């Protein structure tokens, strides 16, 4: 049996809409992501689903994205194989933490390892992006790339390279809060305008370019000052209960930046002060989490990506 873990991820990272993503690792050592196990057996392809958020997935296994990933993989690379897959669904659906990406990455990584890696890295990443798009409504890689490869990934438009790993700030703490409600990624994307003013697009380009420069020069203060979302947050903030209030409170506490993780409703806040991060975690647990399924983690970036357990 092979078991693959795929970490949670943030898309956009405020400054890089659809172009920047980062994988997350709680500093307490806990795992925040889905796992997929694969073993030979059965009469045909089968899927078992378990975990705290399994009940949020389709009852019919054939409607599950992991089953569909396996179907496509087996038809192309192992048409006569019979395997049993087990998805441990640890990430909430519609959370803004790359839930579908985590399942897709864990599934394809497990299948590829089990069958002696018939796909190369970029080939597999292309498949992951395609299947992630079936859930979110459009193909983009800012969740699957960091989930698969780890760290912070910048999406590229070059035909010879899909993404590039960014230098990271080792002293940044990312406070991640999921309130316990779900929002459809496709619905949240539908809130965005089809066209933006020239000033907005210029600001977006300048902020992202300057942020990448700050990462490469390890200018932490400059990078933190550029974590601004001019593309999505202005249109999504009011749809996420208590987001604006929480952002104001966190910035008043002294955190350096705050934004929407992916399309929400999870938020993230960043600081270089671990004690402040822990204080923010406590505040968010009391004021932002609204159900028993919500949670808050203090994280740094997961530099490993998907991996065997």
C-alpha atoms as a PDB file:
ATOM      1  CA  UNK A   1       0.000   0.000   0.000  1.00  0.00           C
ATOM      2  CA  UNK A   2       1.086   3.564  -0.746  1.00  0.00           C
ATOM      3  CA  UNK A   3      -0.314   6.556   1.149  1.00  0.00           C
ATOM      4  CA  UNK A   4       0.273  10.106  -0.085  1.00  0.00           C
ATOM      5  CA  UNK A   5      -0.347  13.276   1.901  1.00  0.00           C
ATOM      6  CA  UNK A   6      -1.109  16.544   0.067  1.00  0.00           C
ATOM      7  CA  UNK A   7      -1.045  19.757   2.135  1.00  0.00           C
ATOM      8  CA  UNK A   8      -3.593  22.558   2.262  1.00  0.00           C
ATOM      9  CA  UNK A   9      -2.763  25.614   0.195  1.00  0.00           C
ATOM     10  CA  UNK A  10      -3.612  29.272  -0.256  1.00  0.00           C
ATOM     11  CA  UNK A  11      -4.396  30.505  -3.740  1.00  0.00           C
ATOM     12  CA  UNK A  12      -3.779  34.117  -4.775  1.00  0.00           C
ATOM     13  CA  UNK A  13      -1.809  35.026  -1.596  1.00  0.00           C
ATOM     14  CA  UNK A  14      -3.598  38.383  -1.975  1.00  0.00           C
ATOM     15  CA  UNK A  15      -1.072  39.879  -4.362  1.00  0.00           C
ATOM     16  CA  UNK A  16      -1.074  37.209  -7.096  1.00  0.00           C
ATOM     17  CA  UNK A  17      -4.597  36.393  -8.251  1.00  0.00           C
ATOM     18  CA  UNK A  18      -4.533  32.985 -10.029  1.00  0.00           C
ATOM     19  CA  UNK A  19      -0.728  33.314 -10.336  1.00  0.00           C
ATOM     20  CA  UNK A  20       0.619  32.728  -6.837  1.00  0.00           C
ATOM     21  CA  UNK A  21      -0.017  29.964  -4.335  1.00  0.00           C
ATOM     22  CA  UNK A  22       1.554  28.586  -1.175  1.00  0.00           C
ATOM     23  CA  UNK A  23       1.402  25.285   0.712  1.00  0.00           C
ATOM     24  CA  UNK A  24       0.760  25.311   4.465  1.00  0.00           C
ATOM     25  CA  UNK A  25       2.315  23.440   7.394  1.00  0.00           C
ATOM     26  CA  UNK A  26       1.026  24.002  10.964  1.00  0.00           C
ATOM     27  CA  UNK A  27       3.926  24.761  13.305  1.00  0.00           C
ATOM     28  CA  UNK A  28       2.577  22.299  15.876  1.00  0.00           C
ATOM     29  CA  UNK A  29       3.502  19.453  13.529  1.00  0.00           C
ATOM     30  CA  UNK A  30      -0.060  18.406  12.729  1.00  0.00           C
ATOM     31  CA  UNK A  31      -1.033  17.555   9.157  1.00  0.00           C
ATOM     32  CA  UNK A  32      -3.450  19.870   7.360  1.00  0.00           C
ATOM     33  CA  UNK A  33      -4.415  18.152   4.143  1.00  0.00           C
ATOM     34  CA  UNK A  34      -5.954  15.085   2.520  1.00  0.00           C
ATOM     35  CA  UNK A  35      -4.427  11.636   2.088  1.00  0.00           C
ATOM     36  CA  UNK A  36      -5.038   9.008  -0.561  1.00  0.00           C
ATOM     37  CA  UNK A  37      -3.993   5.378  -0.124  1.00  0.00           C
ATOM     38  CA  UNK A  38      -3.794   2.865  -2.955  1.00  0.00           C
ATOM     39  CA  UNK A  39      -3.438  -0.910  -2.971  1.00  0.00           C
ATOM     40  CA  UNK A  40      -3.973  -3.687  -5.462  1.00  0.00           C
ATOM     41  CA  UNK A  41      -7.163  -5.695  -5.146  1.00  0.00           C
ATOM     42  CA  UNK A  42     -10.853  -5.911  -5.829  1.00  0.00           C
ATOM     43  CA  UNK A  43     -12.626  -6.776  -9.046  1.00  0.00           C
ATOM     44  CA  UNK A  44     -12.336  -3.277 -10.493  1.00  0.00           C
ATOM     45  CA  UNK A  45     -11.533   0.268  -9.445  1.00  0.00           C
ATOM     46  CA  UNK A  46     -13.085   1.086  -6.061  1.00  0.00           C
ATOM     47  CA  UNK A  47     -12.960   4.045  -3.696  1.00  0.00           C
ATOM     48  CA  UNK A  48     -13.510   4.277   0.045  1.00  0.00           C
ATOM     49  CA  UNK A  49     -14.029   7.693   1.611  1.00  0.00           C
ATOM     50  CA  UNK A  50     -13.485   8.519   5.269  1.00  0.00           C
ATOM     51  CA  UNK A  51     -12.411  11.414   7.453  1.00  0.00           C
ATOM     52  CA  UNK A  52     -14.073  14.386   9.184  1.00  0.00           C
ATOM     53  CA  UNK A  53     -15.388  15.947   5.967  1.00  0.00           C
ATOM     54  CA  UNK A  54     -16.269  12.762   4.062  1.00  0.00           C
ATOM     55  CA  UNK A  55     -19.980  13.457   4.548  1.00  0.00           C
ATOM     56  CA  UNK A  56     -19.646  16.603   2.418  1.00  0.00           C
ATOM     57  CA  UNK A  57     -18.705  14.586  -0.678  1.00  0.00           C
ATOM     58  CA  UNK A  58     -21.040  12.828  -3.159  1.00  0.00           C
ATOM     59  CA  UNK A  59     -22.492   9.573  -1.832  1.00  0.00           C
ATOM     60  CA  UNK A  60     -21.767   7.838  -5.144  1.00  0.00           C
ATOM     61  CA  UNK A  61     -18.001   7.152  -5.286  1.00  0.00           C
ATOM     62  CA  UNK A  62     -18.054   7.492  -9.078  1.00  0.00           C
ATOM     63  CA  UNK A  63     -18.956  11.167  -8.648  1.00  0.00           C
ATOM     64  CA  UNK A  64     -15.921  11.741  -6.454  1.00  0.00           C
ATOM     65  CA  UNK A  65     -13.037  13.604  -8.114  1.00  0.00           C
ATOM     66  CA  UNK A  66     -10.543  11.047  -6.754  1.00  0.00           C
ATOM     67  CA  UNK A  67     -12.389   8.216  -8.500  1.00  0.00           C
ATOM     68  CA  UNK A  68     -12.432  10.244 -11.724  1.00  0.00           C
ATOM     69  CA  UNK A  69      -8.698  10.936 -11.425  1.00  0.00           C
ATOM     70  CA  UNK A  70      -8.089   7.209 -11.066  1.00  0.00           C
ATOM     71  CA  UNK A  71     -10.310   6.361 -14.027  1.00  0.00           C
ATOM     72  CA  UNK A  72      -8.365   8.696 -16.295  1.00  0.00           C
ATOM     73  CA  UNK A  73      -4.989   7.525 -15.020  1.00  0.00           C
ATOM     74  CA  UNK A  74      -5.775   3.819 -15.319  1.00  0.00           C
ATOM     75  CA  UNK A  75      -7.274   4.115 -18.799  1.00  0.00           C
ATOM     76  CA  UNK A  76      -4.071   5.783 -19.988  1.00  0.00           C
ATOM     77  CA  UNK A  77      -1.387   3.878 -18.087  1.00  0.00           C
ATOM     78  CA  UNK A  78      -2.778   0.686 -16.521  1.00  0.00           C
ATOM     79  CA  UNK A  79      -6.023  -0.345 -18.247  1.00  0.00           C
ATOM     80  CA  UNK A  80      -6.133  -3.857 -16.755  1.00  0.00           C
ATOM     81  CA  UNK A  81      -5.295  -2.915 -13.172  1.00  0.00           C
ATOM     82  CA  UNK A  82      -7.700  -3.320 -10.266  1.00  0.00           C
ATOM     83  CA  UNK A  83      -6.970  -1.052  -7.321  1.00  0.00           C
ATOM     84  CA  UNK A  84      -8.609   0.086  -4.108  1.00  0.00           C
ATOM     85  CA  UNK A  85      -8.280   3.759  -3.227  1.00  0.00           C
ATOM     86  CA  UNK A  86      -9.019   5.274   0.181  1.00  0.00           C
ATOM     87  CA  UNK A  87      -9.508   9.024   0.504  1.00  0.00           C
ATOM     88  CA  UNK A  88      -9.140  10.501   3.970  1.00  0.00           C
ATOM     89  CA  UNK A  89     -10.960  13.812   3.597  1.00  0.00           C
ATOM     90  CA  UNK A  90      -9.406  16.070   6.215  1.00  0.00           C
ATOM     91  CA  UNK A  91      -9.946  19.439   4.507  1.00  0.00           C
ATOM     92  CA  UNK A  92     -13.347  21.126   4.441  1.00  0.00           C
ATOM     93  CA  UNK A  93     -15.010  21.545   1.070  1.00  0.00           C
ATOM     94  CA  UNK A  94     -15.366  25.123  -0.172  1.00  0.00           C
ATOM     95  CA  UNK A  95     -12.989  26.466   2.452  1.00  0.00           C
ATOM     96  CA  UNK A  96     -10.487  28.423   0.379  1.00  0.00           C
ATOM     97  CA  UNK A  97      -7.723  26.055   1.505  1.00  0.00           C
ATOM     98  CA  UNK A  98      -7.317  24.061  -1.694  1.00  0.00           C
ATOM     99  CA  UNK A  99      -9.552  21.195  -0.619  1.00  0.00           C
ATOM    100  CA  UNK A 100     -10.231  19.836  -4.094  1.00  0.00           C
ATOM    101  CA  UNK A 101      -6.617  20.418  -5.109  1.00  0.00           C
ATOM    102  CA  UNK A 102      -5.436  18.399  -2.117  1.00  0.00           C
ATOM    103  CA  UNK A 103      -7.613  15.427  -3.102  1.00  0.00           C
ATOM    104  CA  UNK A 104      -6.551  15.641  -6.749  1.00  0.00           C
ATOM    105  CA  UNK A 105      -2.846  15.971  -5.964  1.00  0.00           C
ATOM    106  CA  UNK A 106      -2.913  13.130  -3.420  1.00  0.00           C
ATOM    107  CA  UNK A 107      -4.782  10.893  -5.890  1.00  0.00           C
ATOM    108  CA  UNK A 108      -2.524  11.466  -8.893  1.00  0.00           C
ATOM    109  CA  UNK A 109       0.652  11.357  -6.788  1.00  0.00           C
ATOM    110  CA  UNK A 110      -0.409   8.046  -5.226  1.00  0.00           C
ATOM    111  CA  UNK A 111      -1.342   6.527  -8.579  1.00  0.00           C
ATOM    112  CA  UNK A 112       1.864   7.710 -10.223  1.00  0.00           C
ATOM    113  CA  UNK A 113       4.033   6.303  -7.449  1.00  0.00           C
ATOM    114  CA  UNK A 114       2.129   3.014  -7.348  1.00  0.00           C
ATOM    115  CA  UNK A 115       2.642   2.451 -11.072  1.00  0.00           C
ATOM    116  CA  UNK A 116       6.344   3.414 -11.093  1.00  0.00           C
ATOM    117  CA  UNK A 117       5.891   7.020 -12.207  1.00  0.00           C
ATOM    118  CA  UNK A 118       4.835   6.823 -15.850  1.00  0.00           C
ATOM    119  CA  UNK A 119       4.138  10.578 -15.808  1.00  0.00           C
ATOM    120  CA  UNK A 120       6.816  13.224 -15.425  1.00  0.00           C
ATOM    121  CA  UNK A 121       6.398  16.159 -13.054  1.00  0.00           C
ATOM    122  CA  UNK A 122       4.901  18.662 -15.506  1.00  0.00           C
ATOM    123  CA  UNK A 123       2.718  16.058 -17.216  1.00  0.00           C
ATOM    124  CA  UNK A 124       1.219  15.166 -13.868  1.00  0.00           C
ATOM    125  CA  UNK A 125       0.816  18.817 -12.934  1.00  0.00           C
ATOM    126  CA  UNK A 126      -1.137  19.434 -16.135  1.00  0.00           C
ATOM    127  CA  UNK A 127      -3.501  16.587 -15.248  1.00  0.00           C
ATOM    128  CA  UNK A 128      -3.908  17.959 -11.746  1.00  0.00           C
ATOM    129  CA  UNK A 129      -4.813  21.395 -13.066  1.00  0.00           C
ATOM    130  CA  UNK A 130      -7.346  19.932 -15.474  1.00  0.00           C
ATOM    131  CA  UNK A 131      -9.152  17.989 -12.754  1.00  0.00           C
ATOM    132  CA  UNK A 132      -8.990  20.860 -10.259  1.00  0.00           C
ATOM    133  CA  UNK A 133     -10.751  22.949 -12.905  1.00  0.00           C
ATOM    134  CA  UNK A 134     -13.672  20.506 -12.928  1.00  0.00           C
ATOM    135  CA  UNK A 135     -14.401  21.474  -9.312  1.00  0.00           C
ATOM    136  CA  UNK A 136     -13.558  25.166  -9.272  1.00  0.00           C
ATOM    137  CA  UNK A 137     -15.001  26.038 -12.669  1.00  0.00           C
ATOM    138  CA  UNK A 138     -11.776  26.965 -14.470  1.00  0.00           C
ATOM    139  CA  UNK A 139      -8.280  25.564 -14.887  1.00  0.00           C
ATOM    140  CA  UNK A 140      -5.709  27.272 -12.703  1.00  0.00           C
ATOM    141  CA  UNK A 141      -2.652  26.005 -10.899  1.00  0.00           C
ATOM    142  CA  UNK A 142      -2.208  28.259  -7.876  1.00  0.00           C
ATOM    143  CA  UNK A 143      -3.457  25.527  -5.525  1.00  0.00           C
ATOM    144  CA  UNK A 144      -2.319  22.329  -7.221  1.00  0.00           C
ATOM    145  CA  UNK A 145       1.228  23.547  -7.910  1.00  0.00           C
ATOM    146  CA  UNK A 146       2.188  24.392  -4.304  1.00  0.00           C
ATOM    147  CA  UNK A 147       0.211  21.422  -2.991  1.00  0.00           C
ATOM    148  CA  UNK A 148       2.174  19.119  -5.306  1.00  0.00           C
ATOM    149  CA  UNK A 149       5.589  20.811  -5.242  1.00  0.00           C
ATOM    150  CA  UNK A 150       5.562  22.657  -1.910  1.00  0.00           C
ATOM    151  CA  UNK A 151       6.597  26.183  -0.956  1.00  0.00           C
ATOM    152  CA  UNK A 152       5.328  29.236  -2.807  1.00  0.00           C
ATOM    153  CA  UNK A 153       4.839  28.809  -6.535  1.00  0.00           C
ATOM    154  CA  UNK A 154       4.507  31.454  -9.238  1.00  0.00           C
ATOM    155  CA  UNK A 155       2.564  30.345 -12.304  1.00  0.00           C
ATOM    156  CA  UNK A 156       4.354  30.966 -15.605  1.00  0.00           C
ATOM    157  CA  UNK A 157       3.048  31.357 -19.140  1.00  0.00           C
ATOM    158  CA  UNK A 158       6.070  29.713 -20.740  1.00  0.00           C
ATOM    159  CA  UNK A 159       5.308  26.519 -22.695  1.00  0.00           C
ATOM    160  CA  UNK A 160       8.479  25.007 -21.247  1.00  0.00           C
ATOM    161  CA  UNK A 161       7.648  25.662 -17.581  1.00  0.00           C
ATOM    162  CA  UNK A 162       4.342  25.744 -15.716  1.00  0.00           C
ATOM    163  CA  UNK A 163       5.563  27.319 -12.483  1.00  0.00           C
ATOM    164  CA  UNK A 164       8.600  28.529 -10.580  1.00  0.00           C
ATOM    165  CA  UNK A 165       9.402  28.097  -6.910  1.00  0.00           C
ATOM    166  CA  UNK A 166       9.790  31.390  -5.045  1.00  0.00           C
ATOM    167  CA  UNK A 167      12.228  32.143  -2.223  1.00  0.00           C
ATOM    168  CA  UNK A 168      10.349  32.226   1.082  1.00  0.00           C
ATOM    169  CA  UNK A 169      10.723  34.194   4.299  1.00  0.00           C
ATOM    170  CA  UNK A 170      11.649  31.741   7.037  1.00  0.00           C
ATOM    171  CA  UNK A 171      10.461  34.056   9.825  1.00  0.00           C
ATOM    172  CA  UNK A 172       6.925  34.598   8.514  1.00  0.00           C
ATOM    173  CA  UNK A 173       4.019  33.053  10.427  1.00  0.00           C
ATOM    174  CA  UNK A 174       0.767  32.557   8.538  1.00  0.00           C
ATOM    175  CA  UNK A 175      -2.339  32.466  10.756  1.00  0.00           C
ATOM    176  CA  UNK A 176      -5.030  30.516   8.884  1.00  0.00           C
ATOM    177  CA  UNK A 177      -8.654  30.622  10.033  1.00  0.00           C
ATOM    178  CA  UNK A 178     -11.521  28.599   8.578  1.00  0.00           C
ATOM    179  CA  UNK A 179     -14.829  29.800  10.083  1.00  0.00           C
ATOM    180  CA  UNK A 180     -16.718  26.554   9.488  1.00  0.00           C
ATOM    181  CA  UNK A 181     -18.897  27.542   6.534  1.00  0.00           C
ATOM    182  CA  UNK A 182     -18.438  26.686   2.869  1.00  0.00           C
ATOM    183  CA  UNK A 183     -18.474  28.919  -0.192  1.00  0.00           C
ATOM    184  CA  UNK A 184     -18.486  27.654  -3.773  1.00  0.00           C
ATOM    185  CA  UNK A 185     -15.304  28.590  -5.625  1.00  0.00           C
ATOM    186  CA  UNK A 186     -17.246  28.868  -8.877  1.00  0.00           C
ATOM    187  CA  UNK A 187     -19.792  31.149  -7.184  1.00  0.00           C
ATOM    188  CA  UNK A 188     -17.075  33.354  -5.695  1.00  0.00           C
ATOM    189  CA  UNK A 189     -15.358  33.629  -9.068  1.00  0.00           C
ATOM    190  CA  UNK A 190     -18.677  34.731 -10.506  1.00  0.00           C
ATOM    191  CA  UNK A 191     -18.619  37.809  -8.265  1.00  0.00           C
ATOM    192  CA  UNK A 192     -15.640  39.227 -10.119  1.00  0.00           C
ATOM    193  CA  UNK A 193     -16.089  41.658 -13.013  1.00  0.00           C
ATOM    194  CA  UNK A 194     -15.171  40.593 -16.525  1.00  0.00           C
ATOM    195  CA  UNK A 195     -13.228  43.817 -17.075  1.00  0.00           C
ATOM    196  CA  UNK A 196     -11.105  45.961 -14.763  1.00  0.00           C
ATOM    197  CA  UNK A 197     -10.083  49.612 -14.959  1.00  0.00           C
ATOM    198  CA  UNK A 198      -6.611  50.289 -16.307  1.00  0.00           C
ATOM    199  CA  UNK A 199      -5.495  51.696 -12.946  1.00  0.00           C
ATOM    200  CA  UNK A 200      -6.440  48.449 -11.202  1.00  0.00           C
ATOM    201  CA  UNK A 201      -4.550  46.257 -13.642  1.00  0.00           C
ATOM    202  CA  UNK A 202      -1.481  48.499 -13.414  1.00  0.00           C
ATOM    203  CA  UNK A 203      -1.606  48.329  -9.634  1.00  0.00           C
ATOM    204  CA  UNK A 204      -1.951  44.546  -9.719  1.00  0.00           C
ATOM    205  CA  UNK A 205       1.019  44.142 -12.038  1.00  0.00           C
ATOM    206  CA  UNK A 206       3.215  46.530 -10.078  1.00  0.00           C
ATOM    207  CA  UNK A 207       2.365  44.939  -6.728  1.00  0.00           C
ATOM    208  CA  UNK A 208       3.023  41.394  -7.943  1.00  0.00           C
ATOM    209  CA  UNK A 209       6.265  42.301  -9.703  1.00  0.00           C
ATOM    210  CA  UNK A 210       7.487  44.215  -6.657  1.00  0.00           C
ATOM    211  CA  UNK A 211       6.519  41.329  -4.352  1.00  0.00           C
ATOM    212  CA  UNK A 212       8.507  38.837  -6.432  1.00  0.00           C
ATOM    213  CA  UNK A 213      11.470  41.242  -6.369  1.00  0.00           C
ATOM    214  CA  UNK A 214      11.155  41.563  -2.583  1.00  0.00           C
ATOM    215  CA  UNK A 215      11.163  37.768  -2.186  1.00  0.00           C
ATOM    216  CA  UNK A 216      14.286  37.398  -4.298  1.00  0.00           C
ATOM    217  CA  UNK A 217      16.097  40.150  -2.404  1.00  0.00           C
ATOM    218  CA  UNK A 218      14.738  38.871   0.945  1.00  0.00           C
ATOM    219  CA  UNK A 219      13.312  42.298   1.753  1.00  0.00           C
ATOM    220  CA  UNK A 220      10.721  41.177   4.281  1.00  0.00           C
ATOM    221  CA  UNK A 221       9.280  44.593   5.103  1.00  0.00           C
ATOM    222  CA  UNK A 222       8.751  45.436   1.432  1.00  0.00           C
ATOM    223  CA  UNK A 223       7.174  42.045   0.715  1.00  0.00           C
ATOM    224  CA  UNK A 224       4.759  42.371   3.633  1.00  0.00           C
ATOM    225  CA  UNK A 225       3.706  45.854   2.529  1.00  0.00           C
ATOM    226  CA  UNK A 226       2.771  44.481  -0.898  1.00  0.00           C
ATOM    227  CA  UNK A 227       0.350  41.776   0.271  1.00  0.00           C
ATOM    228  CA  UNK A 228      -2.650  43.612  -1.160  1.00  0.00           C
ATOM    229  CA  UNK A 229      -5.508  42.238  -3.235  1.00  0.00           C
ATOM    230  CA  UNK A 230      -6.923  44.726  -5.738  1.00  0.00           C
ATOM    231  CA  UNK A 231      -8.504  42.058  -7.958  1.00  0.00           C
ATOM    232  CA  UNK A 232     -10.743  39.820  -5.835  1.00  0.00           C
ATOM    233  CA  UNK A 233     -11.020  41.036  -2.246  1.00  0.00           C
ATOM    234  CA  UNK A 234     -12.974  44.234  -3.061  1.00  0.00           C
ATOM    235  CA  UNK A 235     -15.726  42.072  -4.575  1.00  0.00           C
ATOM    236  CA  UNK A 236     -15.634  39.147  -2.142  1.00  0.00           C
ATOM    237  CA  UNK A 237     -15.044  40.703   1.267  1.00  0.00           C
ATOM    238  CA  UNK A 238     -18.679  41.600   1.964  1.00  0.00           C
ATOM    239  CA  UNK A 239     -19.857  38.078   1.083  1.00  0.00           C
ATOM    240  CA  UNK A 240     -17.669  36.486   3.762  1.00  0.00           C
ATOM    241  CA  UNK A 241     -19.274  36.953   7.194  1.00  0.00           C
ATOM    242  CA  UNK A 242     -17.079  38.934   9.626  1.00  0.00           C
ATOM    243  CA  UNK A 243     -14.096  39.066   7.265  1.00  0.00           C
ATOM    244  CA  UNK A 244     -13.817  42.849   7.181  1.00  0.00           C
ATOM    245  CA  UNK A 245     -14.194  43.119  10.955  1.00  0.00           C
ATOM    246  CA  UNK A 246     -11.592  40.402  11.510  1.00  0.00           C
ATOM    247  CA  UNK A 247      -9.133  42.018   9.113  1.00  0.00           C
ATOM    248  CA  UNK A 248      -9.457  45.363  10.843  1.00  0.00           C
ATOM    249  CA  UNK A 249      -8.974  43.752  14.254  1.00  0.00           C
ATOM    250  CA  UNK A 250      -5.922  41.742  13.178  1.00  0.00           C
ATOM    251  CA  UNK A 251      -4.204  44.732  11.619  1.00  0.00           C
ATOM    252  CA  UNK A 252      -4.971  46.753  14.768  1.00  0.00           C
ATOM    253  CA  UNK A 253      -3.316  43.974  16.802  1.00  0.00           C
ATOM    254  CA  UNK A 254      -0.146  44.531  14.820  1.00  0.00           C
ATOM    255  CA  UNK A 255      -0.187  41.804  12.192  1.00  0.00           C
ATOM    256  CA  UNK A 256       1.477  42.950   8.994  1.00  0.00           C
ATOM    257  CA  UNK A 257      -1.097  41.819   6.440  1.00  0.00           C
ATOM    258  CA  UNK A 258      -4.421  40.021   6.161  1.00  0.00           C
ATOM    259  CA  UNK A 259      -6.314  38.638   3.202  1.00  0.00           C
ATOM    260  CA  UNK A 260      -8.713  36.042   1.855  1.00  0.00           C
ATOM    261  CA  UNK A 261      -7.275  32.566   1.375  1.00  0.00           C
ATOM    262  CA  UNK A 262      -8.210  31.526  -2.135  1.00  0.00           C
ATOM    263  CA  UNK A 263     -11.829  32.460  -2.698  1.00  0.00           C
ATOM    264  CA  UNK A 264     -12.693  32.237   1.014  1.00  0.00           C
ATOM    265  CA  UNK A 265     -14.176  32.003   3.526  1.00  0.00           C
ATOM    266  CA  UNK A 266     -10.826  31.189   5.168  1.00  0.00           C
ATOM    267  CA  UNK A 267      -8.574  34.132   5.862  1.00  0.00           C
ATOM    268  CA  UNK A 268      -4.866  34.436   6.452  1.00  0.00           C
ATOM    269  CA  UNK A 269      -2.809  36.957   8.378  1.00  0.00           C
ATOM    270  CA  UNK A 270       0.967  37.303   8.417  1.00  0.00           C
ATOM    271  CA  UNK A 271       3.466  38.378  11.049  1.00  0.00           C
ATOM    272  CA  UNK A 272       7.110  37.815  11.908  1.00  0.00           C
ATOM    273  CA  UNK A 273       6.228  37.632  15.618  1.00  0.00           C
ATOM    274  CA  UNK A 274       5.288  34.128  16.768  1.00  0.00           C
ATOM    275  CA  UNK A 275       3.714  35.340  20.018  1.00  0.00           C
ATOM    276  CA  UNK A 276       1.545  37.766  18.065  1.00  0.00           C
ATOM    277  CA  UNK A 277       0.552  34.952  15.716  1.00  0.00           C
ATOM    278  CA  UNK A 278      -0.569  32.837  18.670  1.00  0.00           C
ATOM    279  CA  UNK A 279      -2.548  35.784  20.070  1.00  0.00           C
ATOM    280  CA  UNK A 280      -4.214  36.221  16.699  1.00  0.00           C
ATOM    281  CA  UNK A 281      -5.043  32.513  16.642  1.00  0.00           C
ATOM    282  CA  UNK A 282      -6.821  32.831  19.989  1.00  0.00           C
ATOM    283  CA  UNK A 283      -8.744  35.914  18.850  1.00  0.00           C
ATOM    284  CA  UNK A 284      -9.857  34.268  15.601  1.00  0.00           C
ATOM    285  CA  UNK A 285     -10.952  31.104  17.408  1.00  0.00           C
ATOM    286  CA  UNK A 286     -13.265  33.243  19.512  1.00  0.00           C
ATOM    287  CA  UNK A 287     -14.430  35.819  16.957  1.00  0.00           C
ATOM    288  CA  UNK A 288     -14.158  34.283  13.465  1.00  0.00           C
ATOM    289  CA  UNK A 289     -14.850  30.570  13.887  1.00  0.00           C
ATOM    290  CA  UNK A 290     -18.609  30.046  13.976  1.00  0.00           C
ATOM    291  CA  UNK A 291     -19.110  26.249  13.969  1.00  0.00           C
ATOM    292  CA  UNK A 292     -17.581  23.151  15.532  1.00  0.00           C
ATOM    293  CA  UNK A 293     -15.943  22.290  12.225  1.00  0.00           C
ATOM    294  CA  UNK A 294     -14.015  25.563  12.048  1.00  0.00           C
ATOM    295  CA  UNK A 295     -10.362  25.829  13.050  1.00  0.00           C
ATOM    296  CA  UNK A 296      -7.354  28.121  13.287  1.00  0.00           C
ATOM    297  CA  UNK A 297      -3.717  27.165  12.716  1.00  0.00           C
ATOM    298  CA  UNK A 298      -0.458  29.046  12.930  1.00  0.00           C
ATOM    299  CA  UNK A 299       1.547  27.868   9.936  1.00  0.00           C
ATOM    300  CA  UNK A 300       4.724  28.323   8.028  1.00  0.00           C
ATOM    301  CA  UNK A 301       5.069  27.277   4.422  1.00  0.00           C
ATOM    302  CA  UNK A 302       5.186  23.568   3.659  1.00  0.00           C
ATOM    303  CA  UNK A 303       8.313  23.215   1.542  1.00  0.00           C
ATOM    304  CA  UNK A 304       7.827  19.512   0.812  1.00  0.00           C
ATOM    305  CA  UNK A 305       4.494  19.374  -1.005  1.00  0.00           C
ATOM    306  CA  UNK A 306       2.825  16.002  -1.549  1.00  0.00           C
ATOM    307  CA  UNK A 307       4.733  13.085  -0.067  1.00  0.00           C
ATOM    308  CA  UNK A 308       4.457   9.511   1.190  1.00  0.00           C
ATOM    309  CA  UNK A 309       3.447   8.907   4.799  1.00  0.00           C
END
